[in-house]
Structure formats: C-alpha cells, structure tokens
C-alpha cells in the first residue's frame, strides 16, 4: 500500500518481491549446507573404465563398501579400520545376511598399488565372502566404439 505524491489516493498493484527473495536465499543456503552431507562413504579418486553395467546395490544403505584412498588406509563405510581388524569388521557386517546379499565393494584409489588391492581381496575372501565388486568410474566416450590403443 503506497501513497502516491500529488494528491491522487489509492492502491498500487506492485508485487513486493523482497520476502520471496529472502525465502529463496534461505533455501539456497540450506541446500548448500546439506548437499555435502548426503555423500555416503569416503571420497576416493577411483580409476576410470568402460564398465558395461553399474550395480544398483552399491548405492543402498546396506551395501558394504571398502574404500582404500591410499596405501595402508582402509575404511569400511565411513569408519576407519586397520588392516588387522578388516576381516573381523567384514565378518561382523555380513553375519546375518542372506548369501545373495553378501557382497563387498572395493573402491581402490588411483595411487593405491596393485599389491595392496590384491591383499585386500585376499583378506575379504578370508572373511568368507566370495562375491567382490571392484568399483570404477565410467569413462565418458565420444560415441565411437572402443578400439585398440594407438
């Protein structure tokens, strides 16, 4: 309700956008704060590959993801675990699961040695798990069929 100068009385039909802008800024701040918290597990720079299919089970809350961001550093989910306790931790997580749900996904970083990954696979197998998934990031292709390296 504004008053116009010059003696003409009445209402103006302008929209007051200030409250709307305030609400939008609050929502923007909320999303900026909450979004980083939605990421599950430990961040690992993983190798890229032309993988054929993605296993949808890796995104479930119940998935057991073993992350190795660097040599000698192990995480099961978001929990840091030593190499000695790795078998014990995986056995505990897989204890009451059905056979088809007993899968461990391994995320090995780019800088992690091949020997470290093989040792980790051996440790997972020692805990009684035979189904192991190695996680890679899908390469972006230009649409051409992959061929031999030149």
N, C-alpha and C. Protein backbone atom coordinates (compact mmCIF):
# COMPACT_ATOMS: atom_id res chain seq x y z
N UNK A 1 0.85 -1.17 0.00
CA UNK A 1 0.00 0.00 0.00
C UNK A 1 0.89 1.22 0.00
N UNK A 2 1.01 1.82 -1.11
CA UNK A 2 1.83 3.01 -1.22
C UNK A 2 0.97 4.23 -1.45
N UNK A 3 1.49 5.33 -1.10
CA UNK A 3 0.77 6.58 -1.33
C UNK A 3 1.48 7.31 -2.45
N UNK A 4 0.73 7.77 -3.37
CA UNK A 4 1.34 8.47 -4.48
C UNK A 4 1.37 9.96 -4.19
N UNK A 5 2.39 10.60 -4.69
CA UNK A 5 2.52 12.04 -4.49
C UNK A 5 1.60 12.77 -5.47
N UNK A 6 1.17 13.91 -5.10
CA UNK A 6 0.34 14.71 -6.00
C UNK A 6 -1.13 14.65 -5.66
N UNK A 7 -1.48 14.06 -4.55
CA UNK A 7 -2.85 14.09 -4.11
C UNK A 7 -3.73 13.00 -4.66
N UNK A 8 -3.24 12.14 -5.52
CA UNK A 8 -4.06 11.04 -6.02
C UNK A 8 -4.00 9.90 -5.02
N UNK A 9 -5.06 9.53 -4.44
CA UNK A 9 -5.10 8.45 -3.47
C UNK A 9 -5.35 7.11 -4.16
N UNK A 10 -5.13 6.03 -3.43
CA UNK A 10 -5.43 4.72 -3.99
C UNK A 10 -4.32 3.72 -3.72
N UNK A 11 -4.57 2.55 -4.21
CA UNK A 11 -3.61 1.46 -4.01
C UNK A 11 -2.75 1.28 -5.25
N UNK A 12 -1.55 0.74 -5.01
CA UNK A 12 -0.70 0.39 -6.14
C UNK A 12 -0.72 -1.14 -6.27
N UNK A 13 -0.53 -1.62 -7.46
CA UNK A 13 -0.59 -3.06 -7.69
C UNK A 13 0.79 -3.67 -7.93
N UNK A 14 1.82 -3.09 -7.34
CA UNK A 14 3.17 -3.64 -7.48
C UNK A 14 3.36 -4.83 -6.55
N UNK A 15 4.10 -5.83 -7.03
CA UNK A 15 4.39 -7.01 -6.22
C UNK A 15 5.65 -6.74 -5.41
N UNK A 16 5.56 -7.05 -4.12
CA UNK A 16 6.72 -6.88 -3.25
C UNK A 16 7.52 -8.18 -3.29
N UNK A 17 8.66 -8.20 -3.97
CA UNK A 17 9.44 -9.42 -4.16
C UNK A 17 10.48 -9.64 -3.06
N UNK A 18 10.63 -8.70 -2.16
CA UNK A 18 11.65 -8.83 -1.11
C UNK A 18 11.44 -10.08 -0.25
N UNK A 19 10.23 -10.38 0.23
CA UNK A 19 10.08 -11.61 1.02
C UNK A 19 10.38 -12.88 0.21
N UNK A 20 10.01 -12.88 -1.07
CA UNK A 20 10.28 -14.04 -1.90
C UNK A 20 11.79 -14.24 -2.08
N UNK A 21 12.53 -13.16 -2.28
CA UNK A 21 13.99 -13.26 -2.42
C UNK A 21 14.60 -13.76 -1.12
N UNK A 22 14.11 -13.31 0.01
CA UNK A 22 14.62 -13.77 1.31
C UNK A 22 14.42 -15.27 1.47
N UNK A 23 13.24 -15.77 1.11
CA UNK A 23 12.95 -17.20 1.22
C UNK A 23 13.87 -17.99 0.30
N UNK A 24 14.06 -17.52 -0.92
CA UNK A 24 14.92 -18.22 -1.88
C UNK A 24 16.37 -18.26 -1.39
N UNK A 25 16.86 -17.19 -0.80
CA UNK A 25 18.24 -17.19 -0.28
C UNK A 25 18.38 -18.17 0.88
N UNK A 26 17.39 -18.25 1.74
CA UNK A 26 17.43 -19.20 2.85
C UNK A 26 17.45 -20.63 2.31
N UNK A 27 16.61 -20.93 1.31
CA UNK A 27 16.61 -22.26 0.72
C UNK A 27 17.94 -22.58 0.06
N UNK A 28 18.53 -21.62 -0.62
CA UNK A 28 19.83 -21.83 -1.26
C UNK A 28 20.89 -22.17 -0.22
N UNK A 29 20.91 -21.46 0.89
CA UNK A 29 21.89 -21.72 1.95
C UNK A 29 21.67 -23.10 2.55
N UNK A 30 20.41 -23.47 2.76
CA UNK A 30 20.11 -24.81 3.31
C UNK A 30 20.63 -25.89 2.38
N UNK A 31 20.36 -25.78 1.08
CA UNK A 31 20.84 -26.79 0.14
C UNK A 31 22.36 -26.82 0.06
N UNK A 32 23.00 -25.67 0.15
CA UNK A 32 24.47 -25.64 0.11
C UNK A 32 25.08 -26.33 1.33
N UNK A 33 24.41 -26.26 2.46
CA UNK A 33 24.93 -26.89 3.68
C UNK A 33 24.62 -28.39 3.70
N UNK A 34 23.44 -28.78 3.24
CA UNK A 34 23.00 -30.17 3.35
C UNK A 34 23.62 -31.06 2.27
N UNK A 35 23.82 -30.56 1.06
CA UNK A 35 24.29 -31.38 -0.06
C UNK A 35 25.59 -32.12 0.23
N UNK A 36 26.63 -31.50 0.78
CA UNK A 36 27.85 -32.27 1.06
C UNK A 36 27.64 -33.39 2.07
N UNK A 37 26.65 -33.27 2.93
CA UNK A 37 26.39 -34.30 3.94
C UNK A 37 25.71 -35.53 3.34
N UNK A 38 25.15 -35.42 2.14
CA UNK A 38 24.45 -36.53 1.52
C UNK A 38 25.39 -37.56 0.91
N UNK A 39 26.65 -37.20 0.72
CA UNK A 39 27.60 -38.14 0.13
C UNK A 39 27.89 -39.25 1.12
N UNK A 40 27.77 -40.49 0.64
CA UNK A 40 27.97 -41.64 1.51
C UNK A 40 29.40 -42.14 1.40
N UNK A 41 29.95 -42.59 2.49
CA UNK A 41 31.27 -43.21 2.47
C UNK A 41 32.40 -42.21 2.43
N UNK A 42 33.55 -42.69 2.01
CA UNK A 42 34.77 -41.91 1.96
C UNK A 42 35.05 -41.55 0.51
N UNK A 43 35.52 -40.34 0.27
CA UNK A 43 35.83 -39.91 -1.09
C UNK A 43 37.14 -40.54 -1.54
N UNK A 44 37.07 -41.24 -2.65
CA UNK A 44 38.25 -41.90 -3.22
C UNK A 44 38.29 -41.57 -4.70
N UNK A 45 39.45 -41.14 -5.21
CA UNK A 45 39.60 -40.92 -6.63
C UNK A 45 39.85 -42.28 -7.26
N UNK A 46 38.83 -42.80 -7.94
CA UNK A 46 38.91 -44.17 -8.46
C UNK A 46 39.23 -44.16 -9.95
N UNK A 47 39.82 -45.25 -10.43
CA UNK A 47 40.16 -45.33 -11.85
C UNK A 47 38.92 -45.32 -12.73
N UNK A 48 39.11 -44.90 -13.97
CA UNK A 48 38.01 -44.86 -14.93
C UNK A 48 38.10 -46.07 -15.85
N UNK A 49 36.94 -46.57 -16.27
CA UNK A 49 36.89 -47.77 -17.10
C UNK A 49 35.64 -47.72 -17.96
N UNK A 50 35.63 -48.51 -18.99
CA UNK A 50 34.44 -48.65 -19.83
C UNK A 50 33.61 -49.80 -19.29
N UNK A 51 33.07 -49.63 -18.08
CA UNK A 51 32.31 -50.72 -17.47
C UNK A 51 30.98 -50.88 -18.18
N UNK A 52 30.57 -52.14 -18.36
CA UNK A 52 29.33 -52.37 -19.09
C UNK A 52 28.08 -51.98 -18.31
N UNK A 53 27.99 -52.36 -17.04
CA UNK A 53 26.79 -52.09 -16.25
C UNK A 53 27.18 -51.63 -14.86
N UNK A 54 26.31 -50.83 -14.27
CA UNK A 54 26.52 -50.40 -12.89
C UNK A 54 25.61 -51.22 -12.00
N UNK A 55 26.18 -51.70 -10.89
CA UNK A 55 25.40 -52.47 -9.93
C UNK A 55 24.63 -51.48 -9.05
N UNK A 56 23.32 -51.52 -9.11
CA UNK A 56 22.49 -50.58 -8.35
C UNK A 56 22.59 -50.81 -6.85
N UNK A 57 23.01 -52.00 -6.42
CA UNK A 57 23.08 -52.31 -4.99
C UNK A 57 24.15 -51.52 -4.26
N UNK A 58 25.13 -50.98 -4.98
CA UNK A 58 26.20 -50.25 -4.31
C UNK A 58 25.68 -48.95 -3.68
N UNK A 59 24.58 -48.43 -4.18
CA UNK A 59 24.03 -47.17 -3.66
C UNK A 59 23.09 -47.37 -2.48
N UNK A 60 22.83 -48.61 -2.11
CA UNK A 60 21.93 -48.87 -0.98
C UNK A 60 22.64 -48.61 0.34
N UNK A 61 21.85 -48.30 1.36
CA UNK A 61 22.38 -48.07 2.70
C UNK A 61 23.06 -49.31 3.27
N UNK A 62 22.59 -50.49 2.87
CA UNK A 62 23.09 -51.74 3.44
C UNK A 62 24.34 -52.25 2.72
N UNK A 63 24.78 -51.59 1.66
CA UNK A 63 25.95 -52.04 0.91
C UNK A 63 27.20 -51.89 1.77
N UNK A 64 28.09 -52.89 1.67
CA UNK A 64 29.37 -52.84 2.39
C UNK A 64 30.42 -52.38 1.39
N UNK A 65 30.90 -51.14 1.57
CA UNK A 65 31.88 -50.56 0.67
C UNK A 65 33.19 -50.41 1.44
N UNK A 66 34.24 -51.02 0.91
CA UNK A 66 35.57 -50.96 1.49
C UNK A 66 36.38 -49.99 0.64
N UNK A 67 36.74 -48.85 1.22
CA UNK A 67 37.47 -47.82 0.48
C UNK A 67 38.94 -47.83 0.88
N UNK A 68 39.82 -47.73 -0.13
CA UNK A 68 41.26 -47.66 0.10
C UNK A 68 41.76 -46.40 -0.62
N UNK A 69 41.69 -45.23 0.04
CA UNK A 69 42.11 -44.00 -0.63
C UNK A 69 43.61 -43.92 -0.88
N UNK A 70 44.42 -44.53 -0.01
CA UNK A 70 45.87 -44.60 -0.19
C UNK A 70 46.37 -45.89 0.41
N UNK A 71 47.61 -46.24 0.09
CA UNK A 71 48.18 -47.49 0.60
C UNK A 71 48.16 -47.53 2.12
N UNK A 72 47.64 -48.61 2.68
CA UNK A 72 47.64 -48.79 4.13
C UNK A 72 46.51 -48.11 4.87
N UNK A 73 45.60 -47.41 4.17
CA UNK A 73 44.47 -46.72 4.80
C UNK A 73 43.19 -47.40 4.33
N UNK A 74 42.38 -47.87 5.29
CA UNK A 74 41.17 -48.63 4.97
C UNK A 74 39.97 -48.02 5.67
N UNK A 75 38.85 -47.97 4.95
CA UNK A 75 37.58 -47.52 5.51
C UNK A 75 36.51 -48.53 5.12
N UNK A 76 35.70 -48.92 6.09
CA UNK A 76 34.51 -49.72 5.81
C UNK A 76 33.35 -48.78 6.07
N UNK A 77 32.67 -48.37 4.99
CA UNK A 77 31.67 -47.30 5.10
C UNK A 77 32.42 -46.00 5.37
N UNK A 78 32.12 -45.37 6.50
CA UNK A 78 32.82 -44.15 6.90
C UNK A 78 33.78 -44.40 8.05
N UNK A 79 33.87 -45.64 8.52
CA UNK A 79 34.69 -45.98 9.69
C UNK A 79 36.09 -46.39 9.26
N UNK A 80 37.09 -45.73 9.82
CA UNK A 80 38.49 -46.11 9.56
C UNK A 80 38.77 -47.43 10.26
N UNK A 81 39.44 -48.35 9.55
CA UNK A 81 39.73 -49.68 10.07
C UNK A 81 41.19 -50.00 9.78
N UNK A 82 41.85 -50.65 10.73
CA UNK A 82 43.22 -51.10 10.47
C UNK A 82 43.17 -52.41 9.69
N UNK A 83 44.28 -52.74 9.05
CA UNK A 83 44.35 -53.97 8.25
C UNK A 83 44.08 -55.20 9.12
N UNK A 84 44.53 -55.16 10.39
CA UNK A 84 44.34 -56.29 11.29
C UNK A 84 42.87 -56.53 11.63
N UNK A 85 42.09 -55.48 11.72
CA UNK A 85 40.69 -55.60 12.11
C UNK A 85 39.74 -55.69 10.92
N UNK A 86 40.28 -55.68 9.70
CA UNK A 86 39.47 -55.66 8.50
C UNK A 86 38.60 -56.92 8.38
N UNK A 87 39.18 -58.09 8.56
CA UNK A 87 38.44 -59.34 8.46
C UNK A 87 37.34 -59.40 9.52
N UNK A 88 37.69 -59.01 10.72
CA UNK A 88 36.73 -59.03 11.84
C UNK A 88 35.54 -58.11 11.57
N UNK A 89 35.81 -56.92 11.04
CA UNK A 89 34.77 -55.93 10.75
C UNK A 89 33.83 -56.44 9.66
N UNK A 90 34.40 -57.01 8.60
CA UNK A 90 33.57 -57.50 7.49
C UNK A 90 32.74 -58.70 7.94
N UNK A 91 33.33 -59.60 8.72
CA UNK A 91 32.57 -60.74 9.24
C UNK A 91 31.39 -60.26 10.07
N UNK A 92 31.61 -59.23 10.89
CA UNK A 92 30.53 -58.69 11.72
C UNK A 92 29.40 -58.09 10.90
N UNK A 93 29.75 -57.41 9.81
CA UNK A 93 28.72 -56.79 8.97
C UNK A 93 27.95 -57.81 8.14
N UNK A 94 28.59 -58.91 7.78
CA UNK A 94 27.96 -59.92 6.92
C UNK A 94 27.30 -61.05 7.69
N UNK A 95 27.37 -61.01 8.99
CA UNK A 95 26.94 -62.11 9.84
C UNK A 95 25.50 -62.59 9.57
N UNK A 96 24.55 -61.69 9.55
CA UNK A 96 23.14 -62.07 9.46
C UNK A 96 22.53 -61.83 8.08
N UNK A 97 23.35 -61.83 7.04
CA UNK A 97 22.84 -61.57 5.70
C UNK A 97 22.63 -62.86 4.93
N UNK A 98 21.71 -62.77 3.97
CA UNK A 98 21.48 -63.91 3.08
C UNK A 98 22.69 -64.04 2.15
N UNK A 99 22.87 -65.21 1.60
CA UNK A 99 24.02 -65.49 0.73
C UNK A 99 24.09 -64.53 -0.45
N UNK A 100 22.95 -64.24 -1.08
CA UNK A 100 22.96 -63.35 -2.25
C UNK A 100 23.25 -61.89 -1.90
N UNK A 101 23.09 -61.52 -0.63
CA UNK A 101 23.37 -60.15 -0.20
C UNK A 101 24.77 -59.98 0.37
N UNK A 102 25.57 -61.02 0.36
CA UNK A 102 26.91 -60.97 0.93
C UNK A 102 27.92 -60.55 -0.15
N UNK A 103 27.95 -59.24 -0.43
CA UNK A 103 28.84 -58.67 -1.44
C UNK A 103 29.63 -57.54 -0.80
N UNK A 104 30.92 -57.49 -1.09
CA UNK A 104 31.76 -56.38 -0.63
C UNK A 104 32.25 -55.64 -1.87
N UNK A 105 32.06 -54.32 -1.89
CA UNK A 105 32.52 -53.48 -2.99
C UNK A 105 33.81 -52.80 -2.56
N UNK A 106 34.82 -52.88 -3.40
CA UNK A 106 36.13 -52.30 -3.08
C UNK A 106 36.38 -51.11 -3.99
N UNK A 107 36.63 -49.95 -3.35
CA UNK A 107 37.00 -48.73 -4.07
C UNK A 107 38.48 -48.49 -3.82
N UNK A 108 39.30 -48.74 -4.80
CA UNK A 108 40.73 -48.50 -4.66
C UNK A 108 41.11 -47.23 -5.38
N UNK A 109 41.84 -46.35 -4.72
CA UNK A 109 42.24 -45.08 -5.32
C UNK A 109 43.26 -45.28 -6.43
N UNK A 110 43.45 -44.24 -7.25
CA UNK A 110 44.39 -44.29 -8.36
C UNK A 110 45.82 -44.53 -7.89
N UNK A 111 46.18 -44.01 -6.72
CA UNK A 111 47.55 -44.11 -6.23
C UNK A 111 47.82 -45.40 -5.45
N UNK A 112 46.80 -46.21 -5.24
CA UNK A 112 46.97 -47.44 -4.46
C UNK A 112 47.62 -48.50 -5.33
N UNK A 113 48.60 -49.18 -4.75
CA UNK A 113 49.33 -50.19 -5.52
C UNK A 113 48.47 -51.42 -5.77
N UNK A 114 48.79 -52.11 -6.84
CA UNK A 114 48.07 -53.33 -7.21
C UNK A 114 48.18 -54.38 -6.12
N UNK A 115 49.36 -54.50 -5.53
CA UNK A 115 49.58 -55.47 -4.46
C UNK A 115 48.68 -55.21 -3.25
N UNK A 116 48.45 -53.96 -2.94
CA UNK A 116 47.58 -53.61 -1.81
C UNK A 116 46.14 -54.03 -2.09
N UNK A 117 45.69 -53.85 -3.33
CA UNK A 117 44.33 -54.26 -3.70
C UNK A 117 44.21 -55.78 -3.62
N UNK A 118 45.22 -56.50 -4.12
CA UNK A 118 45.19 -57.96 -4.09
C UNK A 118 45.19 -58.46 -2.65
N UNK A 119 45.99 -57.85 -1.78
CA UNK A 119 46.00 -58.22 -0.36
C UNK A 119 44.63 -58.01 0.28
N UNK A 120 43.98 -56.91 -0.09
CA UNK A 120 42.66 -56.61 0.45
C UNK A 120 41.63 -57.63 -0.03
N UNK A 121 41.70 -58.01 -1.30
CA UNK A 121 40.78 -59.03 -1.82
C UNK A 121 40.99 -60.34 -1.07
N UNK A 122 42.25 -60.70 -0.82
CA UNK A 122 42.55 -61.93 -0.07
C UNK A 122 41.97 -61.86 1.34
N UNK A 123 42.08 -60.69 1.98
CA UNK A 123 41.54 -60.53 3.33
C UNK A 123 40.03 -60.66 3.33
N UNK A 124 39.36 -60.10 2.31
CA UNK A 124 37.90 -60.21 2.23
C UNK A 124 37.50 -61.67 2.03
N UNK A 125 38.24 -62.38 1.21
CA UNK A 125 37.93 -63.81 0.99
C UNK A 125 38.18 -64.63 2.25
N UNK A 126 39.18 -64.24 3.04
CA UNK A 126 39.42 -64.94 4.32
C UNK A 126 38.24 -64.78 5.26
N UNK A 127 37.51 -63.68 5.13
CA UNK A 127 36.35 -63.46 5.99
C UNK A 127 35.13 -64.24 5.52
N UNK A 128 35.27 -65.01 4.43
CA UNK A 128 34.18 -65.86 3.98
C UNK A 128 33.33 -65.27 2.87
N UNK A 129 33.75 -64.17 2.28
CA UNK A 129 32.98 -63.51 1.23
C UNK A 129 33.60 -63.87 -0.12
N UNK A 130 32.79 -64.41 -1.02
CA UNK A 130 33.28 -64.77 -2.34
C UNK A 130 32.87 -63.77 -3.42
N UNK A 131 31.84 -62.99 -3.14
CA UNK A 131 31.36 -62.00 -4.13
C UNK A 131 31.97 -60.65 -3.81
N UNK A 132 32.85 -60.20 -4.70
CA UNK A 132 33.57 -58.94 -4.51
C UNK A 132 33.39 -58.10 -5.76
N UNK A 133 33.06 -56.83 -5.56
CA UNK A 133 32.92 -55.92 -6.69
C UNK A 133 34.01 -54.87 -6.64
N UNK A 134 34.70 -54.65 -7.75
CA UNK A 134 35.69 -53.59 -7.85
C UNK A 134 35.03 -52.39 -8.50
N UNK A 135 35.04 -51.26 -7.81
CA UNK A 135 34.31 -50.08 -8.26
C UNK A 135 35.23 -49.21 -9.11
N UNK A 136 34.73 -48.83 -10.29
CA UNK A 136 35.43 -47.88 -11.15
C UNK A 136 34.45 -46.79 -11.55
N UNK A 137 35.00 -45.73 -12.07
CA UNK A 137 34.17 -44.64 -12.56
C UNK A 137 34.01 -44.82 -14.06
N UNK A 138 32.82 -44.59 -14.57
CA UNK A 138 32.58 -44.81 -16.00
C UNK A 138 33.24 -43.70 -16.82
N UNK A 139 34.01 -44.12 -17.84
CA UNK A 139 34.64 -43.16 -18.75
C UNK A 139 33.58 -42.55 -19.64
N UNK A 140 33.77 -41.30 -19.94
CA UNK A 140 32.89 -40.65 -20.90
C UNK A 140 33.46 -40.90 -22.29
N UNK A 141 32.63 -41.41 -23.18
CA UNK A 141 33.09 -41.70 -24.53
C UNK A 141 32.46 -40.72 -25.50
N UNK A 142 33.08 -40.60 -26.66
CA UNK A 142 32.56 -39.71 -27.70
C UNK A 142 31.57 -40.40 -28.62
N UNK A 143 31.17 -41.62 -28.26
CA UNK A 143 30.20 -42.35 -29.06
C UNK A 143 30.85 -43.37 -29.97
N UNK A 144 32.16 -43.28 -30.17
CA UNK A 144 32.84 -44.24 -31.03
C UNK A 144 33.08 -45.53 -30.27
N UNK A 145 33.13 -46.61 -30.97
CA UNK A 145 33.38 -47.92 -30.36
C UNK A 145 34.82 -47.97 -29.88
N UNK A 146 35.07 -48.56 -28.69
CA UNK A 146 36.43 -48.63 -28.20
C UNK A 146 37.26 -49.55 -29.08
N UNK A 147 38.47 -49.16 -29.32
CA UNK A 147 39.36 -49.94 -30.16
C UNK A 147 40.70 -50.08 -29.48
N UNK A 148 41.65 -50.68 -30.16
CA UNK A 148 42.98 -50.84 -29.56
C UNK A 148 43.67 -49.49 -29.41
N UNK A 149 44.51 -49.41 -28.38
CA UNK A 149 45.25 -48.16 -28.13
C UNK A 149 46.30 -47.96 -29.21
N UNK A 150 46.47 -46.71 -29.61
CA UNK A 150 47.46 -46.41 -30.65
C UNK A 150 48.61 -45.66 -30.07
